[in-house]
Amino acid sequence: MIWKGLVNFMKPLIILAHPDINNSNVNNRWKQELEKYSDEIITHELYKEYPDWNINVRKEQYLLEHSNCIILQFPIYWYSCPPLLKKWLDDVFTHGWAYGSKGNKLKGKKIGLAISIGDKEKNYMHTGHVGFSIDEIITPFKATVNHIGATMLPIFSIFNASFQISPEVIEQSASKYIEHISTVSL
């Protein structure tokens, strides 16, 4: 098991799930920024690691067990996450490991979200065309974190990712993302 020993408890683990990362303005830029801090932050790309969708559950569980701060980074897709991240959650967060009477491996861990939202922020209000806030949209993630006994971190997000977002705004968000990770992983 070559992957054992690759994780350091002190390093935040970013689970990056974007099905087309090379054509993403925001998530790709965030990934590039994360790579600058590879000595301090572990970035684990699900679509790169599992192009065939055959998830190595033991490996993923090991990575999670050996990280105290876990951030799921993804674009909002139809008011949820990309499908491989959902499959990853279904496969990895198993009964008897993540939850249940003996499932406590993620208890006390800090888990957060770093999300890009294609639409405008004003549309993610009760008066907007979506009719729900981002905080409401991510309720299933908050419920999952509660169910496994972990602590939900404040989310990091950016709106307008599918619109004409300026390179300056993306650059600022990349720097703020690293600051966010530094703050929440303490």
N, C-alpha and C. Protein backbone atom coordinates (compact mmCIF):
# COMPACT_ATOMS: atom_id res chain seq x y z
N MET A 1 0.84 -1.17 0.00
CA MET A 1 0.00 0.00 0.00
C MET A 1 0.88 1.23 0.00
N ILE A 2 1.22 1.65 -1.16
CA ILE A 2 2.12 2.78 -1.37
C ILE A 2 1.58 4.07 -0.77
N TRP A 3 0.26 4.23 -0.73
CA TRP A 3 -0.33 5.48 -0.27
C TRP A 3 -0.25 5.66 1.23
N LYS A 4 -0.02 4.60 1.98
CA LYS A 4 0.08 4.74 3.44
C LYS A 4 1.30 5.58 3.79
N GLY A 5 1.16 6.39 4.77
CA GLY A 5 2.26 7.24 5.19
C GLY A 5 2.35 8.56 4.43
N LEU A 6 1.44 8.77 3.48
CA LEU A 6 1.48 10.00 2.69
C LEU A 6 0.78 11.17 3.36
N VAL A 7 0.06 10.90 4.41
CA VAL A 7 -0.75 11.94 5.04
C VAL A 7 -0.14 12.33 6.38
N ASN A 8 -0.17 13.61 6.63
CA ASN A 8 0.33 14.17 7.87
C ASN A 8 -0.85 14.81 8.59
N PHE A 9 -1.06 14.45 9.86
CA PHE A 9 -2.19 14.97 10.62
C PHE A 9 -2.28 16.49 10.60
N MET A 10 -1.16 17.14 10.45
CA MET A 10 -1.15 18.59 10.54
C MET A 10 -1.55 19.28 9.24
N LYS A 11 -1.60 18.54 8.14
CA LYS A 11 -1.90 19.15 6.85
C LYS A 11 -3.38 19.06 6.53
N PRO A 12 -3.98 20.15 6.11
CA PRO A 12 -5.36 20.08 5.63
C PRO A 12 -5.42 19.22 4.36
N LEU A 13 -6.50 18.47 4.22
CA LEU A 13 -6.73 17.62 3.06
C LEU A 13 -7.86 18.24 2.23
N ILE A 14 -7.55 18.57 0.98
CA ILE A 14 -8.55 19.13 0.07
C ILE A 14 -8.98 18.01 -0.86
N ILE A 15 -10.26 17.68 -0.82
CA ILE A 15 -10.84 16.70 -1.74
C ILE A 15 -11.43 17.52 -2.88
N LEU A 16 -10.72 17.53 -4.00
CA LEU A 16 -11.11 18.34 -5.15
C LEU A 16 -11.91 17.49 -6.13
N ALA A 17 -13.12 17.94 -6.43
CA ALA A 17 -14.00 17.19 -7.33
C ALA A 17 -14.56 18.12 -8.40
N HIS A 18 -13.87 18.16 -9.52
CA HIS A 18 -14.35 18.93 -10.67
C HIS A 18 -14.15 18.07 -11.91
N PRO A 19 -15.24 17.75 -12.62
CA PRO A 19 -15.13 16.85 -13.77
C PRO A 19 -14.39 17.43 -14.98
N ASP A 20 -14.19 18.73 -15.01
CA ASP A 20 -13.50 19.35 -16.14
C ASP A 20 -12.60 20.48 -15.63
N ILE A 21 -11.70 20.11 -14.75
CA ILE A 21 -10.88 21.09 -14.04
C ILE A 21 -10.08 21.99 -14.99
N ASN A 22 -9.61 21.46 -16.10
CA ASN A 22 -8.78 22.26 -17.01
C ASN A 22 -9.56 23.38 -17.68
N ASN A 23 -10.87 23.26 -17.75
CA ASN A 23 -11.70 24.31 -18.34
C ASN A 23 -12.44 25.13 -17.30
N SER A 24 -12.02 25.00 -16.08
CA SER A 24 -12.63 25.77 -15.00
C SER A 24 -11.79 26.99 -14.71
N ASN A 25 -12.40 28.15 -14.71
CA ASN A 25 -11.66 29.36 -14.35
C ASN A 25 -11.36 29.40 -12.85
N VAL A 26 -12.36 29.15 -12.05
CA VAL A 26 -12.22 29.31 -10.61
C VAL A 26 -11.52 28.11 -9.97
N ASN A 27 -12.08 26.92 -10.12
CA ASN A 27 -11.51 25.75 -9.44
C ASN A 27 -10.10 25.43 -9.92
N ASN A 28 -9.84 25.65 -11.19
CA ASN A 28 -8.49 25.43 -11.69
C ASN A 28 -7.51 26.42 -11.07
N ARG A 29 -7.93 27.67 -10.95
CA ARG A 29 -7.07 28.67 -10.32
C ARG A 29 -6.84 28.35 -8.85
N TRP A 30 -7.91 27.92 -8.17
CA TRP A 30 -7.76 27.52 -6.77
C TRP A 30 -6.78 26.34 -6.66
N LYS A 31 -6.90 25.39 -7.57
CA LYS A 31 -5.99 24.24 -7.58
C LYS A 31 -4.55 24.71 -7.76
N GLN A 32 -4.32 25.62 -8.69
CA GLN A 32 -2.97 26.14 -8.92
C GLN A 32 -2.43 26.80 -7.66
N GLU A 33 -3.28 27.52 -6.97
CA GLU A 33 -2.85 28.18 -5.73
C GLU A 33 -2.52 27.13 -4.66
N LEU A 34 -3.35 26.10 -4.57
CA LEU A 34 -3.09 25.03 -3.60
C LEU A 34 -1.75 24.36 -3.87
N GLU A 35 -1.42 24.18 -5.15
CA GLU A 35 -0.17 23.52 -5.51
C GLU A 35 1.05 24.30 -5.03
N LYS A 36 0.93 25.61 -4.88
CA LYS A 36 2.02 26.42 -4.35
C LYS A 36 2.32 26.08 -2.89
N TYR A 37 1.34 25.50 -2.22
CA TYR A 37 1.44 25.18 -0.81
C TYR A 37 1.44 23.67 -0.57
N SER A 38 1.99 22.92 -1.52
CA SER A 38 1.94 21.46 -1.44
C SER A 38 2.70 20.90 -0.23
N ASP A 39 3.60 21.67 0.36
CA ASP A 39 4.27 21.23 1.58
C ASP A 39 3.36 21.36 2.80
N GLU A 40 2.32 22.17 2.67
CA GLU A 40 1.45 22.46 3.80
C GLU A 40 0.02 21.97 3.62
N ILE A 41 -0.39 21.70 2.39
CA ILE A 41 -1.76 21.32 2.07
C ILE A 41 -1.73 20.14 1.11
N ILE A 42 -2.55 19.12 1.38
CA ILE A 42 -2.65 17.97 0.49
C ILE A 42 -3.87 18.17 -0.40
N THR A 43 -3.68 18.13 -1.71
CA THR A 43 -4.78 18.24 -2.66
C THR A 43 -4.98 16.87 -3.30
N HIS A 44 -6.18 16.36 -3.19
CA HIS A 44 -6.51 15.02 -3.69
C HIS A 44 -7.64 15.18 -4.71
N GLU A 45 -7.30 15.01 -5.99
CA GLU A 45 -8.27 15.21 -7.08
C GLU A 45 -9.00 13.92 -7.42
N LEU A 46 -10.28 13.88 -7.14
CA LEU A 46 -11.05 12.66 -7.36
C LEU A 46 -11.16 12.28 -8.83
N TYR A 47 -11.42 13.24 -9.71
CA TYR A 47 -11.59 12.90 -11.13
C TYR A 47 -10.27 12.47 -11.76
N LYS A 48 -9.17 12.94 -11.24
CA LYS A 48 -7.85 12.51 -11.73
C LYS A 48 -7.51 11.13 -11.16
N GLU A 49 -7.79 10.93 -9.89
CA GLU A 49 -7.48 9.69 -9.21
C GLU A 49 -8.36 8.52 -9.68
N TYR A 50 -9.62 8.82 -10.00
CA TYR A 50 -10.57 7.77 -10.34
C TYR A 50 -11.31 8.06 -11.65
N PRO A 51 -10.58 8.09 -12.77
CA PRO A 51 -11.25 8.35 -14.05
C PRO A 51 -12.24 7.24 -14.42
N ASP A 52 -12.03 6.05 -13.84
CA ASP A 52 -12.93 4.93 -14.10
C ASP A 52 -14.03 4.81 -13.03
N TRP A 53 -14.02 5.70 -12.06
CA TRP A 53 -14.98 5.77 -10.98
C TRP A 53 -14.89 4.58 -10.01
N ASN A 54 -13.81 3.82 -10.07
CA ASN A 54 -13.61 2.71 -9.14
C ASN A 54 -12.81 3.22 -7.94
N ILE A 55 -13.53 3.63 -6.93
CA ILE A 55 -12.93 4.29 -5.77
C ILE A 55 -12.28 3.26 -4.84
N ASN A 56 -11.05 3.53 -4.47
CA ASN A 56 -10.33 2.70 -3.50
C ASN A 56 -10.78 3.18 -2.11
N VAL A 57 -11.78 2.53 -1.59
CA VAL A 57 -12.40 2.97 -0.34
C VAL A 57 -11.40 2.94 0.82
N ARG A 58 -10.62 1.90 0.93
CA ARG A 58 -9.65 1.81 2.03
C ARG A 58 -8.65 2.96 1.98
N LYS A 59 -8.20 3.30 0.77
CA LYS A 59 -7.26 4.42 0.62
C LYS A 59 -7.91 5.72 1.05
N GLU A 60 -9.13 5.95 0.59
CA GLU A 60 -9.83 7.19 0.92
C GLU A 60 -10.09 7.29 2.41
N GLN A 61 -10.48 6.20 3.02
CA GLN A 61 -10.72 6.20 4.46
C GLN A 61 -9.42 6.47 5.22
N TYR A 62 -8.34 5.90 4.75
CA TYR A 62 -7.04 6.14 5.37
C TYR A 62 -6.67 7.62 5.30
N LEU A 63 -6.85 8.22 4.12
CA LEU A 63 -6.55 9.64 3.96
C LEU A 63 -7.37 10.48 4.93
N LEU A 64 -8.65 10.17 5.04
CA LEU A 64 -9.52 10.93 5.93
C LEU A 64 -9.18 10.71 7.40
N GLU A 65 -8.86 9.48 7.75
CA GLU A 65 -8.51 9.17 9.14
C GLU A 65 -7.26 9.92 9.58
N HIS A 66 -6.38 10.20 8.64
CA HIS A 66 -5.10 10.82 8.98
C HIS A 66 -5.06 12.32 8.67
N SER A 67 -6.21 12.91 8.58
CA SER A 67 -6.32 14.37 8.38
C SER A 67 -7.33 14.91 9.37
N ASN A 68 -6.99 15.98 10.02
CA ASN A 68 -7.93 16.57 10.97
C ASN A 68 -8.82 17.64 10.35
N CYS A 69 -8.36 18.21 9.23
CA CYS A 69 -9.14 19.25 8.54
C CYS A 69 -9.32 18.80 7.09
N ILE A 70 -10.57 18.64 6.69
CA ILE A 70 -10.92 18.15 5.36
C ILE A 70 -11.82 19.18 4.70
N ILE A 71 -11.45 19.58 3.49
CA ILE A 71 -12.28 20.53 2.75
C ILE A 71 -12.66 19.90 1.43
N LEU A 72 -13.95 19.88 1.15
CA LEU A 72 -14.47 19.39 -0.12
C LEU A 72 -14.58 20.58 -1.05
N GLN A 73 -13.81 20.57 -2.12
CA GLN A 73 -13.80 21.67 -3.10
C GLN A 73 -14.49 21.20 -4.37
N PHE A 74 -15.52 21.95 -4.79
CA PHE A 74 -16.27 21.55 -5.98
C PHE A 74 -17.14 22.70 -6.48
N PRO A 75 -17.57 22.61 -7.74
CA PRO A 75 -18.57 23.56 -8.24
C PRO A 75 -19.96 23.05 -7.88
N ILE A 76 -20.87 23.96 -7.63
CA ILE A 76 -22.27 23.57 -7.41
C ILE A 76 -22.84 23.11 -8.76
N TYR A 77 -23.34 21.89 -8.79
CA TYR A 77 -23.98 21.31 -9.99
C TYR A 77 -25.42 21.00 -9.64
N TRP A 78 -26.33 21.65 -10.28
CA TRP A 78 -27.75 21.43 -10.03
C TRP A 78 -28.05 21.37 -8.53
N TYR A 79 -27.54 22.37 -7.83
CA TYR A 79 -27.80 22.57 -6.41
C TYR A 79 -27.25 21.45 -5.54
N SER A 80 -26.19 20.83 -6.02
CA SER A 80 -25.52 19.77 -5.28
C SER A 80 -24.06 19.73 -5.72
N CYS A 81 -23.45 18.58 -5.58
CA CYS A 81 -22.04 18.41 -5.96
C CYS A 81 -21.94 17.58 -7.24
N PRO A 82 -20.77 17.58 -7.88
CA PRO A 82 -20.58 16.72 -9.04
C PRO A 82 -20.78 15.24 -8.68
N PRO A 83 -21.18 14.43 -9.64
CA PRO A 83 -21.57 13.05 -9.34
C PRO A 83 -20.47 12.17 -8.74
N LEU A 84 -19.22 12.36 -9.11
CA LEU A 84 -18.18 11.52 -8.52
C LEU A 84 -17.99 11.82 -7.04
N LEU A 85 -18.17 13.07 -6.64
CA LEU A 85 -18.08 13.40 -5.22
C LEU A 85 -19.23 12.74 -4.46
N LYS A 86 -20.40 12.74 -5.03
CA LYS A 86 -21.54 12.06 -4.37
C LYS A 86 -21.26 10.57 -4.24
N LYS A 87 -20.73 9.94 -5.30
CA LYS A 87 -20.38 8.52 -5.23
C LYS A 87 -19.29 8.30 -4.18
N TRP A 88 -18.32 9.19 -4.14
CA TRP A 88 -17.25 9.10 -3.14
C TRP A 88 -17.84 9.12 -1.72
N LEU A 89 -18.73 10.04 -1.48
CA LEU A 89 -19.38 10.11 -0.16
C LEU A 89 -20.13 8.82 0.14
N ASP A 90 -20.89 8.33 -0.83
CA ASP A 90 -21.67 7.11 -0.65
C ASP A 90 -20.76 5.90 -0.38
N ASP A 91 -19.66 5.80 -1.11
CA ASP A 91 -18.76 4.65 -0.99
C ASP A 91 -17.87 4.71 0.24
N VAL A 92 -17.39 5.90 0.57
CA VAL A 92 -16.37 6.04 1.62
C VAL A 92 -16.98 6.21 3.01
N PHE A 93 -18.04 6.95 3.13
CA PHE A 93 -18.65 7.20 4.44
C PHE A 93 -19.57 6.03 4.79
N THR A 94 -18.97 4.90 5.12
CA THR A 94 -19.72 3.67 5.32
C THR A 94 -20.20 3.49 6.76
N HIS A 95 -21.26 2.70 6.89
CA HIS A 95 -21.77 2.31 8.21
C HIS A 95 -20.70 1.48 8.90
N GLY A 96 -20.50 1.75 10.15
CA GLY A 96 -19.47 1.04 10.90
C GLY A 96 -18.10 1.68 10.80
N TRP A 97 -17.97 2.63 9.88
CA TRP A 97 -16.72 3.38 9.77
C TRP A 97 -16.98 4.85 10.05
N ALA A 98 -17.87 5.46 9.31
CA ALA A 98 -18.16 6.90 9.48
C ALA A 98 -19.33 7.15 10.42
N TYR A 99 -20.22 6.19 10.53
CA TYR A 99 -21.40 6.37 11.39
C TYR A 99 -21.89 5.00 11.85
N GLY A 100 -22.88 5.02 12.71
CA GLY A 100 -23.38 3.80 13.32
C GLY A 100 -22.78 3.64 14.70
N SER A 101 -23.17 2.58 15.40
CA SER A 101 -22.73 2.41 16.79
C SER A 101 -21.22 2.29 16.90
N LYS A 102 -20.54 1.78 15.88
CA LYS A 102 -19.08 1.66 15.91
C LYS A 102 -18.39 2.55 14.88
N GLY A 103 -19.15 3.35 14.18
CA GLY A 103 -18.59 4.21 13.14
C GLY A 103 -18.24 5.59 13.65
N ASN A 104 -17.00 5.75 14.04
CA ASN A 104 -16.59 7.02 14.66
C ASN A 104 -15.29 7.57 14.07
N LYS A 105 -14.88 7.12 12.93
CA LYS A 105 -13.57 7.48 12.38
C LYS A 105 -13.46 8.95 12.00
N LEU A 106 -14.59 9.62 11.78
CA LEU A 106 -14.56 11.03 11.41
C LEU A 106 -15.04 11.94 12.55
N LYS A 107 -15.36 11.32 13.66
CA LYS A 107 -15.83 12.09 14.80
C LYS A 107 -14.76 13.08 15.24
N GLY A 108 -15.17 14.33 15.40
CA GLY A 108 -14.27 15.38 15.85
C GLY A 108 -13.43 16.02 14.75
N LYS A 109 -13.49 15.47 13.54
CA LYS A 109 -12.75 16.07 12.43
C LYS A 109 -13.43 17.38 12.02
N LYS A 110 -12.66 18.25 11.41
CA LYS A 110 -13.22 19.50 10.89
C LYS A 110 -13.42 19.32 9.38
N ILE A 111 -14.63 19.58 8.92
CA ILE A 111 -14.95 19.41 7.51
C ILE A 111 -15.59 20.69 6.99
N GLY A 112 -15.10 21.15 5.85
CA GLY A 112 -15.62 22.36 5.24
C GLY A 112 -15.86 22.19 3.76
N LEU A 113 -16.42 23.20 3.16
CA LEU A 113 -16.69 23.22 1.73
C LEU A 113 -16.05 24.46 1.12
N ALA A 114 -15.48 24.27 -0.06
CA ALA A 114 -15.02 25.39 -0.88
C ALA A 114 -15.74 25.22 -2.20
N ILE A 115 -16.68 26.12 -2.46
CA ILE A 115 -17.57 25.92 -3.60
C ILE A 115 -17.59 27.12 -4.54
N SER A 116 -17.66 26.79 -5.81
CA SER A 116 -17.87 27.84 -6.81
C SER A 116 -19.32 27.71 -7.27
N ILE A 117 -19.95 28.84 -7.40
CA ILE A 117 -21.36 28.90 -7.77
C ILE A 117 -21.44 29.69 -9.07
N GLY A 118 -22.00 29.07 -10.09
CA GLY A 118 -22.04 29.69 -11.40
C GLY A 118 -22.92 30.92 -11.48
N ASP A 119 -23.97 30.96 -10.72
CA ASP A 119 -24.96 32.03 -10.81
C ASP A 119 -24.59 33.20 -9.91
N LYS A 120 -25.38 34.25 -10.06
CA LYS A 120 -25.18 35.47 -9.28
C LYS A 120 -25.71 35.30 -7.86
N GLU A 121 -25.05 35.97 -6.94
CA GLU A 121 -25.44 35.86 -5.53
C GLU A 121 -26.89 36.29 -5.29
N LYS A 122 -27.34 37.32 -6.02
CA LYS A 122 -28.71 37.82 -5.80
C LYS A 122 -29.76 36.76 -6.15
N ASN A 123 -29.40 35.78 -6.97
CA ASN A 123 -30.35 34.72 -7.31
C ASN A 123 -30.44 33.65 -6.23
N TYR A 124 -29.47 33.64 -5.31
CA TYR A 124 -29.48 32.70 -4.20
C TYR A 124 -30.00 33.37 -2.93
N MET A 125 -31.16 33.98 -3.10
CA MET A 125 -31.88 34.59 -1.99
C MET A 125 -33.33 34.13 -2.11
N HIS A 126 -34.07 34.28 -1.07
CA HIS A 126 -35.48 33.86 -1.13
C HIS A 126 -36.25 34.64 -2.19
N THR A 127 -35.81 35.84 -2.49
CA THR A 127 -36.47 36.65 -3.53
C THR A 127 -35.87 36.43 -4.91
N GLY A 128 -34.77 35.69 -4.99
CA GLY A 128 -34.12 35.41 -6.28
C GLY A 128 -34.78 34.23 -6.99
N HIS A 129 -34.36 33.98 -8.22
CA HIS A 129 -35.03 32.93 -8.99
C HIS A 129 -34.74 31.52 -8.46
N VAL A 130 -33.65 31.32 -7.74
CA VAL A 130 -33.39 30.01 -7.12
C VAL A 130 -34.31 29.84 -5.91
N GLY A 131 -34.50 30.90 -5.15
CA GLY A 131 -35.41 30.87 -4.02
C GLY A 131 -34.83 30.30 -2.74
N PHE A 132 -33.57 29.92 -2.77
CA PHE A 132 -32.90 29.37 -1.60
C PHE A 132 -31.52 29.99 -1.49
N SER A 133 -31.04 30.13 -0.27
CA SER A 133 -29.68 30.63 -0.07
C SER A 133 -28.69 29.48 -0.26
N ILE A 134 -27.44 29.83 -0.44
CA ILE A 134 -26.40 28.80 -0.52
C ILE A 134 -26.36 28.01 0.78
N ASP A 135 -26.54 28.67 1.89
CA ASP A 135 -26.56 27.98 3.18
C ASP A 135 -27.66 26.90 3.19
N GLU A 136 -28.79 27.19 2.58
CA GLU A 136 -29.86 26.19 2.50
C GLU A 136 -29.52 25.09 1.49
N ILE A 137 -28.90 25.46 0.39
CA ILE A 137 -28.54 24.48 -0.65
C ILE A 137 -27.57 23.44 -0.09
N ILE A 138 -26.66 23.85 0.78
CA ILE A 138 -25.66 22.91 1.30
C ILE A 138 -26.14 22.14 2.54
N THR A 139 -27.40 22.24 2.87
CA THR A 139 -27.94 21.54 4.03
C THR A 139 -27.60 20.05 4.05
N PRO A 140 -27.66 19.32 2.93
CA PRO A 140 -27.28 17.89 3.00
C PRO A 140 -25.83 17.67 3.48
N PHE A 141 -24.94 18.57 3.12
CA PHE A 141 -23.55 18.45 3.59
C PHE A 141 -23.47 18.71 5.09
N LYS A 142 -24.20 19.73 5.55
CA LYS A 142 -24.20 20.03 6.98
C LYS A 142 -24.80 18.86 7.76
N ALA A 143 -25.86 18.26 7.24
CA ALA A 143 -26.48 17.11 7.90
C ALA A 143 -25.52 15.92 7.95
N THR A 144 -24.78 15.71 6.87
CA THR A 144 -23.80 14.63 6.82
C THR A 144 -22.72 14.84 7.87
N VAL A 145 -22.20 16.04 7.94
CA VAL A 145 -21.15 16.36 8.92
C VAL A 145 -21.68 16.15 10.33
N ASN A 146 -22.89 16.58 10.60
CA ASN A 146 -23.49 16.36 11.92
C ASN A 146 -23.65 14.87 12.21
N HIS A 147 -24.13 14.13 11.21
CA HIS A 147 -24.41 12.69 11.38
C HIS A 147 -23.15 11.90 11.73
N ILE A 148 -22.01 12.29 11.18
CA ILE A 148 -20.77 11.55 11.44
C ILE A 148 -20.01 12.10 12.65
N GLY A 149 -20.56 13.12 13.31
CA GLY A 149 -19.94 13.65 14.52
C GLY A 149 -18.77 14.57 14.27
N ALA A 150 -18.67 15.09 13.06
CA ALA A 150 -17.60 16.04 12.73
C ALA A 150 -18.08 17.46 13.01
N THR A 151 -17.20 18.41 12.83
CA THR A 151 -17.52 19.82 13.01
C THR A 151 -17.55 20.50 11.65
N MET A 152 -18.63 21.18 11.34
CA MET A 152 -18.77 21.89 10.07
C MET A 152 -18.05 23.22 10.16
N LEU A 153 -17.14 23.42 9.22
CA LEU A 153 -16.40 24.68 9.13
C LEU A 153 -17.19 25.70 8.31
N PRO A 154 -16.89 26.97 8.45
CA PRO A 154 -17.53 27.97 7.58
C PRO A 154 -17.18 27.65 6.12
N ILE A 155 -18.14 27.87 5.24
CA ILE A 155 -17.88 27.58 3.83
C ILE A 155 -17.09 28.72 3.20
N PHE A 156 -16.36 28.36 2.16
CA PHE A 156 -15.67 29.34 1.33
C PHE A 156 -16.34 29.26 -0.03
N SER A 157 -16.75 30.39 -0.57
CA SER A 157 -17.47 30.34 -1.84
C SER A 157 -17.22 31.57 -2.69
N ILE A 158 -17.52 31.39 -3.96
CA ILE A 158 -17.46 32.49 -4.91
C ILE A 158 -18.65 32.34 -5.85
N PHE A 159 -19.31 33.43 -6.14
CA PHE A 159 -20.45 33.46 -7.07
C PHE A 159 -19.97 33.92 -8.44
N ASN A 160 -20.85 33.83 -9.42
CA ASN A 160 -20.64 34.29 -10.80
C ASN A 160 -19.59 33.48 -11.56
N ALA A 161 -19.28 32.29 -11.12
CA ALA A 161 -18.22 31.50 -11.74
C ALA A 161 -18.51 31.16 -13.21
N SER A 162 -19.78 31.14 -13.60
CA SER A 162 -20.13 30.83 -14.99
C SER A 162 -20.33 32.08 -15.85
N PHE A 163 -20.22 33.23 -15.23
CA PHE A 163 -20.44 34.48 -15.94
C PHE A 163 -19.09 35.15 -16.21
N GLN A 164 -19.14 36.38 -16.61
CA GLN A 164 -17.93 37.14 -16.89
C GLN A 164 -17.28 37.61 -15.60
N ILE A 165 -16.66 36.68 -14.92
CA ILE A 165 -15.98 37.02 -13.68
C ILE A 165 -14.57 37.50 -14.06
N SER A 166 -14.15 38.56 -13.46
CA SER A 166 -12.86 39.14 -13.85
C SER A 166 -11.70 38.30 -13.32
N PRO A 167 -10.60 38.29 -14.04
CA PRO A 167 -9.40 37.60 -13.56
C PRO A 167 -8.94 38.12 -12.20
N GLU A 168 -9.15 39.41 -11.95
CA GLU A 168 -8.75 40.00 -10.67
C GLU A 168 -9.56 39.40 -9.52
N VAL A 169 -10.85 39.21 -9.75
CA VAL A 169 -11.70 38.62 -8.71
C VAL A 169 -11.29 37.17 -8.44
N ILE A 170 -10.97 36.45 -9.50
CA ILE A 170 -10.52 35.06 -9.34
C ILE A 170 -9.20 35.03 -8.58
N GLU A 171 -8.28 35.91 -8.93
CA GLU A 171 -6.99 35.97 -8.24
C GLU A 171 -7.19 36.27 -6.76
N GLN A 172 -8.03 37.24 -6.46
CA GLN A 172 -8.30 37.58 -5.06
C GLN A 172 -8.90 36.39 -4.32
N SER A 173 -9.79 35.67 -4.98
CA SER A 173 -10.42 34.52 -4.33
C SER A 173 -9.40 33.42 -4.05
N ALA A 174 -8.43 33.24 -4.94
CA ALA A 174 -7.40 32.22 -4.73
C ALA A 174 -6.58 32.53 -3.47
N SER A 175 -6.19 33.77 -3.32
CA SER A 175 -5.44 34.18 -2.12
C SER A 175 -6.30 34.03 -0.86
N LYS A 176 -7.55 34.45 -0.97
CA LYS A 176 -8.46 34.35 0.18
C LYS A 176 -8.73 32.89 0.55
N TYR A 177 -8.74 32.01 -0.45
CA TYR A 177 -8.95 30.58 -0.20
C TYR A 177 -7.82 30.02 0.67
N ILE A 178 -6.59 30.36 0.35
CA ILE A 178 -5.46 29.89 1.15
C ILE A 178 -5.55 30.46 2.57
N GLU A 179 -5.91 31.72 2.69
CA GLU A 179 -6.10 32.33 4.02
C GLU A 179 -7.18 31.59 4.79
N HIS A 180 -8.27 31.28 4.10
CA HIS A 180 -9.38 30.55 4.72
C HIS A 180 -8.90 29.20 5.26
N ILE A 181 -8.18 28.46 4.42
CA ILE A 181 -7.67 27.15 4.84
C ILE A 181 -6.76 27.29 6.04
N SER A 182 -5.89 28.29 6.02
CA SER A 182 -4.97 28.52 7.16
C SER A 182 -5.74 28.81 8.43
N THR A 183 -6.80 29.57 8.33
CA THR A 183 -7.59 29.96 9.48
C THR A 183 -8.37 28.78 10.06
N VAL A 184 -9.07 28.05 9.19
CA VAL A 184 -9.97 26.99 9.68
C VAL A 184 -9.23 25.71 10.08
N SER A 185 -8.00 25.55 9.60
CA SER A 185 -7.28 24.30 9.91
C SER A 185 -6.50 24.36 11.23
N LEU A 186 -6.51 25.51 11.87
CA LEU A 186 -5.78 25.63 13.16
C LEU A 186 -6.40 24.77 14.23
